[in-house]
Protein backbone atom coordinates (compact mmCIF):
# COMPACT_ATOMS: atom_id res chain seq x y z
CA MET A 1 0.00 0.01 0.02
CA LEU A 2 0.97 3.60 -0.49
CA ARG A 3 0.01 6.72 1.40
CA GLY A 4 -2.10 9.40 -0.26
CA ILE A 5 -3.52 7.09 -2.97
CA ASP A 6 -7.26 6.51 -2.83
CA ARG A 7 -8.05 2.84 -2.24
CA LYS A 8 -10.24 2.82 -5.36
CA ILE A 9 -7.04 3.19 -7.42
CA SER A 10 -5.87 -0.37 -8.02
CA PRO A 11 -2.23 -1.25 -8.79
CA GLU A 12 -3.28 -1.88 -12.39
CA LEU A 13 -4.91 1.55 -12.60
CA ILE A 14 -1.99 3.48 -11.07
CA LYS A 15 0.33 1.83 -13.57
CA LEU A 16 -1.96 2.76 -16.43
CA LEU A 17 -2.26 6.38 -15.29
CA MET A 18 1.55 6.59 -15.03
CA GLU A 19 1.98 5.19 -18.55
CA MET A 20 -0.35 7.74 -20.12
CA GLY A 21 1.19 10.73 -21.80
CA HIS A 22 0.08 14.25 -22.70
CA GLY A 23 -2.99 14.12 -24.93
CA ASP A 24 -3.92 10.54 -24.08
CA GLU A 25 -7.59 10.11 -23.23
CA LEU A 26 -9.18 8.06 -20.49
CA VAL A 27 -12.78 6.82 -20.63
CA LEU A 28 -14.83 6.20 -17.49
CA GLY A 29 -17.68 4.05 -18.66
CA ASP A 30 -20.91 3.45 -16.79
CA GLY A 31 -22.09 -0.05 -16.01
CA ASN A 32 -23.81 -0.34 -19.42
CA PHE A 33 -20.86 0.87 -21.51
CA PRO A 34 -19.48 -1.84 -23.85
CA ALA A 35 -16.03 -1.45 -22.39
CA ALA A 36 -14.51 -4.79 -23.34
CA SER A 37 -15.38 -4.37 -27.01
CA HIS A 38 -14.20 -0.72 -27.16
CA ALA A 39 -11.06 -0.66 -25.04
CA GLN A 40 -7.46 -0.86 -26.10
CA ARG A 41 -6.70 -1.31 -22.38
CA LEU A 42 -9.39 -2.11 -19.84
CA VAL A 43 -9.43 -1.67 -16.08
CA ARG A 44 -12.45 -2.88 -14.14
CA ALA A 45 -13.78 -0.84 -11.21
CA ASP A 46 -17.26 -2.38 -11.06
CA GLY A 47 -17.78 -1.74 -7.36
CA HIS A 48 -17.47 2.06 -7.70
CA GLY A 49 -19.60 4.76 -9.31
CA GLY A 50 -18.35 7.12 -12.00
CA VAL A 51 -18.17 10.15 -9.71
CA ALA A 52 -16.25 8.22 -7.04
CA MET A 53 -13.74 7.00 -9.62
CA LEU A 54 -13.34 10.45 -11.15
CA ASP A 55 -12.80 11.84 -7.67
CA ALA A 56 -10.13 9.23 -6.96
CA ILE A 57 -8.29 9.85 -10.27
CA LEU A 58 -8.30 13.66 -10.47
CA PRO A 59 -5.75 14.34 -7.66
CA LEU A 60 -3.26 12.27 -9.70
CA PHE A 61 -4.30 13.26 -13.23
CA PRO A 62 -3.40 16.67 -14.75
CA LEU A 63 -6.12 17.82 -17.11
CA ASP A 64 -5.00 19.09 -20.53
CA TYR A 65 -4.74 22.89 -20.53
CA ALA A 66 -4.07 23.01 -24.28
CA VAL A 67 -7.61 22.15 -25.38
CA ASP A 68 -10.88 24.06 -25.19
CA PHE A 69 -12.79 21.35 -23.33
CA THR A 70 -12.63 19.64 -19.96
CA ALA A 71 -14.39 16.45 -20.86
CA VAL A 72 -16.32 14.58 -23.53
CA VAL A 73 -19.71 13.03 -22.77
CA MET A 74 -22.24 10.97 -24.75
CA LYS A 75 -25.28 12.85 -26.03
CA TYR A 76 -28.37 12.12 -23.97
CA PRO A 77 -31.56 11.54 -25.98
CA GLY A 78 -33.80 13.37 -23.53
CA GLU A 79 -34.26 17.10 -22.98
CA LYS A 80 -32.58 17.29 -19.58
CA GLU A 81 -28.97 16.26 -19.23
CA PRO A 82 -28.18 13.39 -16.84
CA ALA A 83 -27.80 14.48 -13.21
CA VAL A 84 -24.34 12.89 -13.06
CA TRP A 85 -22.98 15.47 -15.52
CA SER A 86 -23.38 18.29 -12.98
CA LYS A 87 -21.57 16.09 -10.42
CA TYR A 88 -18.74 15.55 -12.89
CA ARG A 89 -18.52 19.33 -13.50
CA GLU A 90 -18.45 20.00 -9.77
CA HIS A 91 -15.56 17.61 -9.22
CA LEU A 92 -13.63 18.67 -12.33
CA GLN A 93 -13.85 22.39 -11.42
CA LYS A 94 -11.73 21.77 -8.32
CA TYR A 95 -8.68 21.22 -10.56
CA PRO A 96 -6.75 23.44 -12.95
CA ASP A 97 -8.34 23.45 -16.41
CA GLY A 98 -11.39 21.66 -15.10
CA ASN A 99 -13.82 24.50 -15.68
CA LYS A 100 -14.08 24.38 -19.47
CA LEU A 101 -16.99 23.16 -21.60
CA PHE A 102 -18.03 19.58 -22.13
CA ILE A 103 -18.02 18.28 -25.68
CA ILE A 104 -21.28 16.37 -26.21
CA LEU A 105 -20.95 13.72 -28.93
CA PRO A 106 -23.62 11.52 -30.48
CA LYS A 107 -23.36 7.90 -29.35
CA PRO A 108 -21.59 6.54 -32.48
CA GLU A 109 -18.99 9.36 -32.38
CA PHE A 110 -18.46 8.87 -28.65
CA TYR A 111 -17.86 5.15 -29.23
CA GLU A 112 -15.33 5.92 -31.98
CA ARG A 113 -13.46 8.29 -29.71
CA ALA A 114 -13.56 5.74 -26.88
CA GLU A 115 -11.97 3.16 -29.20
CA ARG A 116 -9.04 5.56 -29.80
CA ALA A 117 -8.66 6.36 -26.11
CA TYR A 118 -5.61 5.08 -24.25
CA ALA A 119 -7.79 3.13 -21.81
CA VAL A 120 -11.27 2.50 -20.52
CA ILE A 121 -12.21 2.13 -16.87
CA THR A 122 -15.50 0.37 -16.50
CA THR A 123 -17.36 1.46 -13.36
CA GLY A 124 -20.45 0.21 -11.60
CA GLU A 125 -22.21 3.51 -12.28
CA GLN A 126 -25.90 2.76 -12.77
CA GLU A 127 -27.09 6.12 -14.04
CA GLY A 128 -27.42 6.05 -17.83
CA PHE A 129 -25.27 8.22 -20.06
CA ALA A 130 -22.69 8.62 -17.29
CA ASN A 131 -19.81 7.92 -19.67
CA ILE A 132 -17.07 10.56 -19.69
CA ILE A 133 -13.69 11.01 -21.38
CA ILE A 134 -10.94 13.12 -19.83
CA ARG A 135 -7.67 14.08 -21.54
CA LYS A 136 -4.32 13.98 -19.78
CA GLY A 137 -2.22 17.16 -19.69
CA ILE A 138 1.23 17.80 -18.38
CA ILE A 139 2.75 18.63 -15.05
CA LYS A 140 4.79 21.77 -15.58
CA ALA A 141 8.48 21.49 -14.75
CA GLU A 142 9.35 22.59 -11.23
CA ASN A 143 12.25 24.83 -10.40
CA HIS A 144 15.13 22.35 -10.09
CA GLU A 145 17.01 24.60 -7.67
CA ASN A 146 14.47 23.77 -4.96
CA ARG A 147 15.19 20.06 -4.95
């Protein structure tokens, strides 16, 4: 075990997050998302909801400052957006570059983007259309004199 790492972050997931580079995208799929058939790399987190997993990942994951969006979500067919989207926004806004717009893609386009993503985490989220893609940014170099 390590200190400061949320217990929802498995050894497999921490390795995957470390391997990702700037511009790589990470999908958090809800319990209905066809993760196994769309993932280049798949990590299962079935016992945790999407918001809980996002909350565990964000302290470790720099969001990409070089793009105009914070996240990508799948278009909801109804008139009101899924309640989980506002929860995602609330958690993302706590971090640098987390207060930008969401890109809302139709289902086929979301699936295509998910297939190109670095990895998919499948969650146990039961709310529909709770799929979200976040893009990894960089950690800016620190002043090496302070080491």
